[in-house]
Amino acid sequence: MWIRSAFWTGEPVEPEVFDKAINAELVPALGKLPGVSSARALWPRRLEDGPPAIYCQIIVEFADLAALETMLASAERRAMRERVREVAASFNGHISHIDYEVGVAG
């Protein structure tokens, strides 16, 4: 299993509008992209030990690396990029990504 995580570090210009765009538009659209098993947004509510200023983290899960690569190369993802850019323009901060290979215990 692989996970692609997007970190939205900073603050939105209009939090309610931004949150709605993530929850009602971007996450559902991500979940429909080729190769994606699931997508969800994480919203920090309790912070401990001075973590970075992550406003939102988006988690996208894949069965394997090939599925992640399929999503990254898809026409559907390219078509979605314009809306992502619009949402990002309403965010004061930085967006970064990390792709994780998920280890299995035991």
PDB file of N, CA and C in Angstrom:
ATOM      1  N   MET A   1       0.842  -1.180   0.000  1.00  0.00           N
ATOM      2  CA  MET A   1       0.000   0.000   0.000  1.00  0.00           C
ATOM      3  C   MET A   1       0.891   1.248   0.000  1.00  0.00           C
ATOM      4  N   TRP A   2       0.413   2.279  -0.680  1.00  0.00           N
ATOM      5  CA  TRP A   2       1.095   3.569  -0.720  1.00  0.00           C
ATOM      6  C   TRP A   2       0.111   4.671  -0.344  1.00  0.00           C
ATOM      7  N   ILE A   3       0.634   5.743   0.236  1.00  0.00           N
ATOM      8  CA  ILE A   3      -0.163   6.914   0.591  1.00  0.00           C
ATOM      9  C   ILE A   3       0.546   8.150   0.056  1.00  0.00           C
ATOM     10  N   ARG A   4      -0.223   9.010  -0.602  1.00  0.00           N
ATOM     11  CA  ARG A   4       0.275  10.335  -1.001  1.00  0.00           C
ATOM     12  C   ARG A   4      -0.397  11.334  -0.075  1.00  0.00           C
ATOM     13  N   SER A   5       0.415  12.135   0.568  1.00  0.00           N
ATOM     14  CA  SER A   5      -0.094  13.095   1.538  1.00  0.00           C
ATOM     15  C   SER A   5       0.238  14.509   1.080  1.00  0.00           C
ATOM     16  N   ALA A   6      -0.774  15.371   1.091  1.00  0.00           N
ATOM     17  CA  ALA A   6      -0.582  16.789   0.775  1.00  0.00           C
ATOM     18  C   ALA A   6      -0.716  17.584   2.063  1.00  0.00           C
ATOM     19  N   PHE A   7       0.283  18.390   2.356  1.00  0.00           N
ATOM     20  CA  PHE A   7       0.290  19.219   3.556  1.00  0.00           C
ATOM     21  C   PHE A   7       0.019  20.667   3.166  1.00  0.00           C
ATOM     22  N   TRP A   8      -1.068  21.220   3.657  1.00  0.00           N
ATOM     23  CA  TRP A   8      -1.401  22.625   3.458  1.00  0.00           C
ATOM     24  C   TRP A   8      -0.939  23.353   4.715  1.00  0.00           C
ATOM     25  N   THR A   9       0.216  23.983   4.648  1.00  0.00           N
ATOM     26  CA  THR A   9       0.825  24.642   5.796  1.00  0.00           C
ATOM     27  C   THR A   9       0.618  26.146   5.669  1.00  0.00           C
ATOM     28  N   GLY A  10      -0.066  26.733   6.631  1.00  0.00           N
ATOM     29  CA  GLY A  10      -0.382  28.151   6.602  1.00  0.00           C
ATOM     30  C   GLY A  10      -1.819  28.378   7.024  1.00  0.00           C
ATOM     31  N   GLU A  11      -2.470  29.359   6.393  1.00  0.00           N
ATOM     32  CA  GLU A  11      -3.851  29.721   6.738  1.00  0.00           C
ATOM     33  C   GLU A  11      -4.618  30.109   5.476  1.00  0.00           C
ATOM     34  N   PRO A  12      -5.881  29.717   5.373  1.00  0.00           N
ATOM     35  CA  PRO A  12      -6.693  30.162   4.239  1.00  0.00           C
ATOM     36  C   PRO A  12      -7.153  31.604   4.427  1.00  0.00           C
ATOM     37  N   VAL A  13      -7.421  32.283   3.324  1.00  0.00           N
ATOM     38  CA  VAL A  13      -7.947  33.646   3.377  1.00  0.00           C
ATOM     39  C   VAL A  13      -9.345  33.618   4.003  1.00  0.00           C
ATOM     40  N   GLU A  14     -10.189  32.691   3.546  1.00  0.00           N
ATOM     41  CA  GLU A  14     -11.544  32.519   4.081  1.00  0.00           C
ATOM     42  C   GLU A  14     -11.701  31.063   4.510  1.00  0.00           C
ATOM     43  N   PRO A  15     -11.512  30.771   5.781  1.00  0.00           N
ATOM     44  CA  PRO A  15     -11.521  29.377   6.235  1.00  0.00           C
ATOM     45  C   PRO A  15     -12.760  28.572   5.847  1.00  0.00           C
ATOM     46  N   GLU A  16     -13.956  29.141   5.980  1.00  0.00           N
ATOM     47  CA  GLU A  16     -15.167  28.377   5.660  1.00  0.00           C
ATOM     48  C   GLU A  16     -15.226  28.012   4.183  1.00  0.00           C
ATOM     49  N   VAL A  17     -14.857  28.946   3.319  1.00  0.00           N
ATOM     50  CA  VAL A  17     -14.863  28.700   1.872  1.00  0.00           C
ATOM     51  C   VAL A  17     -13.809  27.655   1.519  1.00  0.00           C
ATOM     52  N   PHE A  18     -12.627  27.789   2.091  1.00  0.00           N
ATOM     53  CA  PHE A  18     -11.545  26.842   1.839  1.00  0.00           C
ATOM     54  C   PHE A  18     -11.930  25.440   2.308  1.00  0.00           C
ATOM     55  N   ASP A  19     -12.419  25.330   3.540  1.00  0.00           N
ATOM     56  CA  ASP A  19     -12.783  24.021   4.097  1.00  0.00           C
ATOM     57  C   ASP A  19     -13.835  23.336   3.232  1.00  0.00           C
ATOM     58  N   LYS A  20     -14.823  24.108   2.773  1.00  0.00           N
ATOM     59  CA  LYS A  20     -15.873  23.544   1.918  1.00  0.00           C
ATOM     60  C   LYS A  20     -15.290  23.063   0.589  1.00  0.00           C
ATOM     61  N   ALA A  21     -14.379  23.832   0.006  1.00  0.00           N
ATOM     62  CA  ALA A  21     -13.760  23.424  -1.263  1.00  0.00           C
ATOM     63  C   ALA A  21     -12.999  22.112  -1.099  1.00  0.00           C
ATOM     64  N   ILE A  22     -12.291  21.965   0.008  1.00  0.00           N
ATOM     65  CA  ILE A  22     -11.546  20.724   0.252  1.00  0.00           C
ATOM     66  C   ILE A  22     -12.512  19.564   0.466  1.00  0.00           C
ATOM     67  N   ASN A  23     -13.457  19.724   1.400  1.00  0.00           N
ATOM     68  CA  ASN A  23     -14.352  18.624   1.776  1.00  0.00           C
ATOM     69  C   ASN A  23     -15.382  18.263   0.713  1.00  0.00           C
ATOM     70  N   ALA A  24     -15.939  19.263   0.031  1.00  0.00           N
ATOM     71  CA  ALA A  24     -17.034  19.012  -0.904  1.00  0.00           C
ATOM     72  C   ALA A  24     -16.588  18.849  -2.352  1.00  0.00           C
ATOM     73  N   GLU A  25     -15.385  19.344  -2.685  1.00  0.00           N
ATOM     74  CA  GLU A  25     -14.934  19.276  -4.074  1.00  0.00           C
ATOM     75  C   GLU A  25     -13.669  18.441  -4.265  1.00  0.00           C
ATOM     76  N   LEU A  26     -12.578  18.892  -3.650  1.00  0.00           N
ATOM     77  CA  LEU A  26     -11.287  18.280  -3.963  1.00  0.00           C
ATOM     78  C   LEU A  26     -11.162  16.844  -3.471  1.00  0.00           C
ATOM     79  N   VAL A  27     -11.525  16.579  -2.223  1.00  0.00           N
ATOM     80  CA  VAL A  27     -11.386  15.209  -1.712  1.00  0.00           C
ATOM     81  C   VAL A  27     -12.287  14.235  -2.478  1.00  0.00           C
ATOM     82  N   PRO A  28     -13.574  14.555  -2.730  1.00  0.00           N
ATOM     83  CA  PRO A  28     -14.378  13.634  -3.535  1.00  0.00           C
ATOM     84  C   PRO A  28     -13.812  13.419  -4.946  1.00  0.00           C
ATOM     85  N   ALA A  29     -13.295  14.484  -5.560  1.00  0.00           N
ATOM     86  CA  ALA A  29     -12.705  14.353  -6.899  1.00  0.00           C
ATOM     87  C   ALA A  29     -11.454  13.485  -6.862  1.00  0.00           C
ATOM     88  N   LEU A  30     -10.623  13.658  -5.838  1.00  0.00           N
ATOM     89  CA  LEU A  30      -9.429  12.812  -5.696  1.00  0.00           C
ATOM     90  C   LEU A  30      -9.814  11.345  -5.568  1.00  0.00           C
ATOM     91  N   GLY A  31     -10.868  11.073  -4.820  1.00  0.00           N
ATOM     92  CA  GLY A  31     -11.307   9.699  -4.615  1.00  0.00           C
ATOM     93  C   GLY A  31     -11.766   9.005  -5.879  1.00  0.00           C
ATOM     94  N   LYS A  32     -12.091   9.783  -6.918  1.00  0.00           N
ATOM     95  CA  LYS A  32     -12.558   9.217  -8.192  1.00  0.00           C
ATOM     96  C   LYS A  32     -11.450   9.074  -9.230  1.00  0.00           C
ATOM     97  N   LEU A  33     -10.247   9.546  -8.924  1.00  0.00           N
ATOM     98  CA  LEU A  33      -9.158   9.462  -9.900  1.00  0.00           C
ATOM     99  C   LEU A  33      -8.721   8.015 -10.108  1.00  0.00           C
ATOM    100  N   PRO A  34      -8.237   7.692 -11.303  1.00  0.00           N
ATOM    101  CA  PRO A  34      -7.770   6.328 -11.569  1.00  0.00           C
ATOM    102  C   PRO A  34      -6.678   5.915 -10.591  1.00  0.00           C
ATOM    103  N   GLY A  35      -6.789   4.704 -10.074  1.00  0.00           N
ATOM    104  CA  GLY A  35      -5.777   4.156  -9.180  1.00  0.00           C
ATOM    105  C   GLY A  35      -5.996   4.452  -7.712  1.00  0.00           C
ATOM    106  N   VAL A  36      -6.885   5.383  -7.381  1.00  0.00           N
ATOM    107  CA  VAL A  36      -7.093   5.793  -5.989  1.00  0.00           C
ATOM    108  C   VAL A  36      -8.028   4.818  -5.275  1.00  0.00           C
ATOM    109  N   SER A  37      -7.605   4.351  -4.100  1.00  0.00           N
ATOM    110  CA  SER A  37      -8.445   3.494  -3.257  1.00  0.00           C
ATOM    111  C   SER A  37      -9.357   4.327  -2.367  1.00  0.00           C
ATOM    112  N   SER A  38      -8.820   5.404  -1.800  1.00  0.00           N
ATOM    113  CA  SER A  38      -9.620   6.300  -0.956  1.00  0.00           C
ATOM    114  C   SER A  38      -8.902   7.629  -0.798  1.00  0.00           C
ATOM    115  N   ALA A  39      -9.675   8.641  -0.421  1.00  0.00           N
ATOM    116  CA  ALA A  39      -9.120   9.975  -0.165  1.00  0.00           C
ATOM    117  C   ALA A  39      -9.894  10.597   0.987  1.00  0.00           C
ATOM    118  N   ARG A  40      -9.176  11.350   1.817  1.00  0.00           N
ATOM    119  CA  ARG A  40      -9.831  12.040   2.931  1.00  0.00           C
ATOM    120  C   ARG A  40      -8.964  13.215   3.378  1.00  0.00           C
ATOM    121  N   ALA A  41      -9.615  14.135   4.080  1.00  0.00           N
ATOM    122  CA  ALA A  41      -8.919  15.296   4.629  1.00  0.00           C
ATOM    123  C   ALA A  41      -8.813  15.141   6.135  1.00  0.00           C
ATOM    124  N   LEU A  42      -7.668  15.526   6.672  1.00  0.00           N
ATOM    125  CA  LEU A  42      -7.447  15.546   8.116  1.00  0.00           C
ATOM    126  C   LEU A  42      -7.355  17.005   8.550  1.00  0.00           C
ATOM    127  N   TRP A  43      -8.095  17.347   9.605  1.00  0.00           N
ATOM    128  CA  TRP A  43      -8.145  18.709  10.121  1.00  0.00           C
ATOM    129  C   TRP A  43      -7.622  18.708  11.551  1.00  0.00           C
ATOM    130  N   PRO A  44      -6.441  19.252  11.803  1.00  0.00           N
ATOM    131  CA  PRO A  44      -5.883  19.250  13.158  1.00  0.00           C
ATOM    132  C   PRO A  44      -6.809  19.964  14.153  1.00  0.00           C
ATOM    133  N   ARG A  45      -7.072  19.320  15.256  1.00  0.00           N
ATOM    134  CA  ARG A  45      -7.921  19.908  16.299  1.00  0.00           C
ATOM    135  C   ARG A  45      -7.222  19.974  17.655  1.00  0.00           C
ATOM    136  N   ARG A  46      -6.351  19.028  17.925  1.00  0.00           N
ATOM    137  CA  ARG A  46      -5.578  19.043  19.172  1.00  0.00           C
ATOM    138  C   ARG A  46      -4.106  18.944  18.807  1.00  0.00           C
ATOM    139  N   LEU A  47      -3.348  19.938  19.224  1.00  0.00           N
ATOM    140  CA  LEU A  47      -1.925  20.011  18.889  1.00  0.00           C
ATOM    141  C   LEU A  47      -1.096  19.794  20.145  1.00  0.00           C
ATOM    142  N   GLU A  48       0.024  19.112  19.975  1.00  0.00           N
ATOM    143  CA  GLU A  48       0.890  18.812  21.109  1.00  0.00           C
ATOM    144  C   GLU A  48       2.351  18.958  20.695  1.00  0.00           C
ATOM    145  N   ASP A  49       3.157  19.524  21.545  1.00  0.00           N
ATOM    146  CA  ASP A  49       4.610  19.620  21.363  1.00  0.00           C
ATOM    147  C   ASP A  49       5.032  20.465  20.167  1.00  0.00           C
ATOM    148  N   GLY A  50       4.269  21.509  19.837  1.00  0.00           N
ATOM    149  CA  GLY A  50       4.683  22.480  18.828  1.00  0.00           C
ATOM    150  C   GLY A  50       4.835  21.952  17.411  1.00  0.00           C
ATOM    151  N   PRO A  51       3.816  21.294  16.848  1.00  0.00           N
ATOM    152  CA  PRO A  51       3.928  20.788  15.481  1.00  0.00           C
ATOM    153  C   PRO A  51       3.946  21.931  14.461  1.00  0.00           C
ATOM    154  N   PRO A  52       4.306  21.631  13.211  1.00  0.00           N
ATOM    155  CA  PRO A  52       4.263  22.664  12.174  1.00  0.00           C
ATOM    156  C   PRO A  52       2.822  23.159  11.988  1.00  0.00           C
ATOM    157  N   ALA A  53       2.675  24.315  11.383  1.00  0.00           N
ATOM    158  CA  ALA A  53       1.365  24.952  11.207  1.00  0.00           C
ATOM    159  C   ALA A  53       0.601  24.334  10.041  1.00  0.00           C
ATOM    160  N   ILE A  54       0.313  23.047  10.132  1.00  0.00           N
ATOM    161  CA  ILE A  54      -0.436  22.363   9.080  1.00  0.00           C
ATOM    162  C   ILE A  54      -1.915  22.655   9.297  1.00  0.00           C
ATOM    163  N   TYR A  55      -2.530  23.329   8.326  1.00  0.00           N
ATOM    164  CA  TYR A  55      -3.950  23.656   8.422  1.00  0.00           C
ATOM    165  C   TYR A  55      -4.800  22.450   8.032  1.00  0.00           C
ATOM    166  N   CYS A  56      -4.335  21.726   7.025  1.00  0.00           N
ATOM    167  CA  CYS A  56      -5.066  20.573   6.512  1.00  0.00           C
ATOM    168  C   CYS A  56      -4.068  19.589   5.909  1.00  0.00           C
ATOM    169  N   GLN A  57      -4.357  18.315   6.054  1.00  0.00           N
ATOM    170  CA  GLN A  57      -3.560  17.273   5.409  1.00  0.00           C
ATOM    171  C   GLN A  57      -4.520  16.400   4.614  1.00  0.00           C
ATOM    172  N   ILE A  58      -4.224  16.201   3.352  1.00  0.00           N
ATOM    173  CA  ILE A  58      -5.052  15.338   2.516  1.00  0.00           C
ATOM    174  C   ILE A  58      -4.303  14.031   2.309  1.00  0.00           C
ATOM    175  N   ILE A  59      -5.001  12.931   2.566  1.00  0.00           N
ATOM    176  CA  ILE A  59      -4.439  11.589   2.464  1.00  0.00           C
ATOM    177  C   ILE A  59      -5.110  10.881   1.290  1.00  0.00           C
ATOM    178  N   VAL A  60      -4.310  10.377   0.363  1.00  0.00           N
ATOM    179  CA  VAL A  60      -4.834   9.602  -0.763  1.00  0.00           C
ATOM    180  C   VAL A  60      -4.154   8.239  -0.728  1.00  0.00           C
ATOM    181  N   GLU A  61      -4.953   7.171  -0.704  1.00  0.00           N
ATOM    182  CA  GLU A  61      -4.424   5.811  -0.573  1.00  0.00           C
ATOM    183  C   GLU A  61      -4.477   5.064  -1.906  1.00  0.00           C
ATOM    184  N   PHE A  62      -3.471   4.202  -2.096  1.00  0.00           N
ATOM    185  CA  PHE A  62      -3.318   3.411  -3.320  1.00  0.00           C
ATOM    186  C   PHE A  62      -2.954   1.979  -2.953  1.00  0.00           C
ATOM    187  N   ALA A  63      -3.357   1.031  -3.774  1.00  0.00           N
ATOM    188  CA  ALA A  63      -3.024  -0.371  -3.525  1.00  0.00           C
ATOM    189  C   ALA A  63      -1.521  -0.603  -3.621  1.00  0.00           C
ATOM    190  N   ASP A  64      -0.873   0.103  -4.552  1.00  0.00           N
ATOM    191  CA  ASP A  64       0.557  -0.102  -4.775  1.00  0.00           C
ATOM    192  C   ASP A  64       1.139   1.107  -5.505  1.00  0.00           C
ATOM    193  N   LEU A  65       2.440   1.072  -5.729  1.00  0.00           N
ATOM    194  CA  LEU A  65       3.120   2.183  -6.401  1.00  0.00           C
ATOM    195  C   LEU A  65       2.597   2.375  -7.821  1.00  0.00           C
ATOM    196  N   ALA A  66       2.282   1.296  -8.514  1.00  0.00           N
ATOM    197  CA  ALA A  66       1.765   1.407  -9.881  1.00  0.00           C
ATOM    198  C   ALA A  66       0.458   2.202  -9.906  1.00  0.00           C
ATOM    199  N   ALA A  67      -0.392   1.993  -8.920  1.00  0.00           N
ATOM    200  CA  ALA A  67      -1.657   2.736  -8.847  1.00  0.00           C
ATOM    201  C   ALA A  67      -1.399   4.222  -8.610  1.00  0.00           C
ATOM    202  N   LEU A  68      -0.434   4.543  -7.753  1.00  0.00           N
ATOM    203  CA  LEU A  68      -0.072   5.940  -7.510  1.00  0.00           C
ATOM    204  C   LEU A  68       0.446   6.576  -8.799  1.00  0.00           C
ATOM    205  N   GLU A  69       1.306   5.873  -9.511  1.00  0.00           N
ATOM    206  CA  GLU A  69       1.850   6.388 -10.775  1.00  0.00           C
ATOM    207  C   GLU A  69       0.748   6.576 -11.811  1.00  0.00           C
ATOM    208  N   THR A  70      -0.233   5.673 -11.820  1.00  0.00           N
ATOM    209  CA  THR A  70      -1.373   5.802 -12.731  1.00  0.00           C
ATOM    210  C   THR A  70      -2.124   7.096 -12.452  1.00  0.00           C
ATOM    211  N   MET A  71      -2.376   7.373 -11.184  1.00  0.00           N
ATOM    212  CA  MET A  71      -3.077   8.604 -10.817  1.00  0.00           C
ATOM    213  C   MET A  71      -2.276   9.830 -11.233  1.00  0.00           C
ATOM    214  N   LEU A  72      -0.979   9.834 -10.931  1.00  0.00           N
ATOM    215  CA  LEU A  72      -0.151  10.997 -11.251  1.00  0.00           C
ATOM    216  C   LEU A  72      -0.124  11.296 -12.748  1.00  0.00           C
ATOM    217  N   ALA A  73      -0.203  10.263 -13.572  1.00  0.00           N
ATOM    218  CA  ALA A  73      -0.121  10.433 -15.019  1.00  0.00           C
ATOM    219  C   ALA A  73      -1.482  10.612 -15.691  1.00  0.00           C
ATOM    220  N   SER A  74      -2.557  10.568 -14.932  1.00  0.00           N
ATOM    221  CA  SER A  74      -3.898  10.538 -15.523  1.00  0.00           C
ATOM    222  C   SER A  74      -4.350  11.894 -16.074  1.00  0.00           C
ATOM    223  N   ALA A  75      -5.138  11.813 -17.141  1.00  0.00           N
ATOM    224  CA  ALA A  75      -5.758  13.009 -17.712  1.00  0.00           C
ATOM    225  C   ALA A  75      -6.740  13.624 -16.725  1.00  0.00           C
ATOM    226  N   GLU A  76      -7.385  12.795 -15.931  1.00  0.00           N
ATOM    227  CA  GLU A  76      -8.338  13.285 -14.935  1.00  0.00           C
ATOM    228  C   GLU A  76      -7.647  14.168 -13.895  1.00  0.00           C
ATOM    229  N   ARG A  77      -6.452  13.775 -13.489  1.00  0.00           N
ATOM    230  CA  ARG A  77      -5.696  14.601 -12.532  1.00  0.00           C
ATOM    231  C   ARG A  77      -5.299  15.925 -13.176  1.00  0.00           C
ATOM    232  N   ARG A  78      -4.834  15.868 -14.411  1.00  0.00           N
ATOM    233  CA  ARG A  78      -4.460  17.105 -15.105  1.00  0.00           C
ATOM    234  C   ARG A  78      -5.663  18.047 -15.212  1.00  0.00           C
ATOM    235  N   ALA A  79      -6.839  17.483 -15.484  1.00  0.00           N
ATOM    236  CA  ALA A  79      -8.051  18.300 -15.600  1.00  0.00           C
ATOM    237  C   ALA A  79      -8.426  18.945 -14.269  1.00  0.00           C
ATOM    238  N   MET A  80      -8.108  18.294 -13.185  1.00  0.00           N
ATOM    239  CA  MET A  80      -8.426  18.776 -11.844  1.00  0.00           C
ATOM    240  C   MET A  80      -7.484  19.882 -11.366  1.00  0.00           C
ATOM    241  N   ARG A  81      -6.315  19.978 -11.962  1.00  0.00           N
ATOM    242  CA  ARG A  81      -5.272  20.890 -11.483  1.00  0.00           C
ATOM    243  C   ARG A  81      -5.713  22.355 -11.466  1.00  0.00           C
ATOM    244  N   GLU A  82      -6.538  22.780 -12.420  1.00  0.00           N
ATOM    245  CA  GLU A  82      -6.974  24.177 -12.452  1.00  0.00           C
ATOM    246  C   GLU A  82      -7.765  24.522 -11.194  1.00  0.00           C
ATOM    247  N   ARG A  83      -8.662  23.648 -10.776  1.00  0.00           N
ATOM    248  CA  ARG A  83      -9.435  23.911  -9.550  1.00  0.00           C
ATOM    249  C   ARG A  83      -8.521  23.899  -8.324  1.00  0.00           C
ATOM    250  N   VAL A  84      -7.555  23.000  -8.305  1.00  0.00           N
ATOM    251  CA  VAL A  84      -6.596  22.973  -7.193  1.00  0.00           C
ATOM    252  C   VAL A  84      -5.838  24.297  -7.136  1.00  0.00           C
ATOM    253  N   ARG A  85      -5.427  24.816  -8.285  1.00  0.00           N
ATOM    254  CA  ARG A  85      -4.720  26.106  -8.318  1.00  0.00           C
ATOM    255  C   ARG A  85      -5.604  27.243  -7.794  1.00  0.00           C
ATOM    256  N   GLU A  86      -6.898  27.203  -8.132  1.00  0.00           N
ATOM    257  CA  GLU A  86      -7.821  28.229  -7.633  1.00  0.00           C
ATOM    258  C   GLU A  86      -7.931  28.172  -6.109  1.00  0.00           C
ATOM    259  N   VAL A  87      -8.078  26.974  -5.573  1.00  0.00           N
ATOM    260  CA  VAL A  87      -8.167  26.817  -4.119  1.00  0.00           C
ATOM    261  C   VAL A  87      -6.852  27.252  -3.474  1.00  0.00           C
ATOM    262  N   ALA A  88      -5.738  26.866  -4.065  1.00  0.00           N
ATOM    263  CA  ALA A  88      -4.424  27.236  -3.521  1.00  0.00           C
ATOM    264  C   ALA A  88      -4.217  28.749  -3.532  1.00  0.00           C
ATOM    265  N   ALA A  89      -4.797  29.439  -4.507  1.00  0.00           N
ATOM    266  CA  ALA A  89      -4.657  30.896  -4.576  1.00  0.00           C
ATOM    267  C   ALA A  89      -5.344  31.584  -3.399  1.00  0.00           C
ATOM    268  N   SER A  90      -6.280  30.884  -2.757  1.00  0.00           N
ATOM    269  CA  SER A  90      -6.982  31.451  -1.598  1.00  0.00           C
ATOM    270  C   SER A  90      -6.346  31.003  -0.282  1.00  0.00           C
ATOM    271  N   PHE A  91      -5.115  30.494  -0.376  1.00  0.00           N
ATOM    272  CA  PHE A  91      -4.429  29.965   0.800  1.00  0.00           C
ATOM    273  C   PHE A  91      -3.100  30.681   0.974  1.00  0.00           C
ATOM    274  N   ASN A  92      -2.886  31.262   2.139  1.00  0.00           N
ATOM    275  CA  ASN A  92      -1.617  31.926   2.457  1.00  0.00           C
ATOM    276  C   ASN A  92      -0.691  30.911   3.112  1.00  0.00           C
ATOM    277  N   GLY A  93       0.163  30.332   2.315  1.00  0.00           N
ATOM    278  CA  GLY A  93       1.072  29.331   2.858  1.00  0.00           C
ATOM    279  C   GLY A  93       1.700  28.508   1.762  1.00  0.00           C
ATOM    280  N   HIS A  94       1.959  27.263   2.084  1.00  0.00           N
ATOM    281  CA  HIS A  94       2.712  26.373   1.204  1.00  0.00           C
ATOM    282  C   HIS A  94       2.016  25.016   1.136  1.00  0.00           C
ATOM    283  N   ILE A  95       2.055  24.402  -0.028  1.00  0.00           N
ATOM    284  CA  ILE A  95       1.520  23.054  -0.209  1.00  0.00           C
ATOM    285  C   ILE A  95       2.683  22.148  -0.588  1.00  0.00           C
ATOM    286  N   SER A  96       2.828  21.041   0.128  1.00  0.00           N
ATOM    287  CA  SER A  96       3.889  20.078  -0.182  1.00  0.00           C
ATOM    288  C   SER A  96       3.309  18.670  -0.142  1.00  0.00           C
ATOM    289  N   HIS A  97       4.023  17.745  -0.763  1.00  0.00           N
ATOM    290  CA  HIS A  97       3.558  16.361  -0.843  1.00  0.00           C
ATOM    291  C   HIS A  97       4.652  15.402  -0.384  1.00  0.00           C
ATOM    292  N   ILE A  98       4.219  14.309   0.213  1.00  0.00           N
ATOM    293  CA  ILE A  98       5.106  13.192   0.541  1.00  0.00           C
ATOM    294  C   ILE A  98       4.390  11.916   0.122  1.00  0.00           C
ATOM    295  N   ASP A  99       5.097  11.046  -0.592  1.00  0.00           N
ATOM    296  CA  ASP A  99       4.585   9.721  -0.942  1.00  0.00           C
ATOM    297  C   ASP A  99       5.206   8.708   0.006  1.00  0.00           C
ATOM    298  N   TYR A 100       4.354   7.917   0.659  1.00  0.00           N
ATOM    299  CA  TYR A 100       4.803   6.940   1.651  1.00  0.00           C
ATOM    300  C   TYR A 100       4.543   5.522   1.169  1.00  0.00           C
ATOM    301  N   GLU A 101       5.499   4.652   1.388  1.00  0.00           N
ATOM    302  CA  GLU A 101       5.238   3.223   1.284  1.00  0.00           C
ATOM    303  C   GLU A 101       4.837   2.777   2.687  1.00  0.00           C
ATOM    304  N   VAL A 102       3.726   2.062   2.800  1.00  0.00           N
ATOM    305  CA  VAL A 102       3.203   1.662   4.104  1.00  0.00           C
ATOM    306  C   VAL A 102       3.797   0.318   4.500  1.00  0.00           C
ATOM    307  N   GLY A 103       4.440   0.286   5.657  1.00  0.00           N
ATOM    308  CA  GLY A 103       4.992  -0.953   6.187  1.00  0.00           C
ATOM    309  C   GLY A 103       3.907  -1.785   6.850  1.00  0.00           C
ATOM    310  N   VAL A 104       4.149  -3.067   6.921  1.00  0.00           N
ATOM    311  CA  VAL A 104       3.200  -3.987   7.537  1.00  0.00           C
ATOM    312  C   VAL A 104       3.848  -4.580   8.779  1.00  0.00           C
ATOM    313  N   ALA A 105       3.146  -4.529   9.901  1.00  0.00           N
ATOM    314  CA  ALA A 105       3.662  -5.095  11.152  1.00  0.00           C
ATOM    315  C   ALA A 105       3.629  -6.616  11.089  1.00  0.00           C
ATOM    316  N   GLY A 106       4.630  -7.215  11.710  1.00  0.00           N
ATOM    317  CA  GLY A 106       4.658  -8.666  11.839  1.00  0.00           C
ATOM    318  C   GLY A 106       5.263  -9.307  10.677  1.00  0.00           C
TER     319      GLY A 106
END
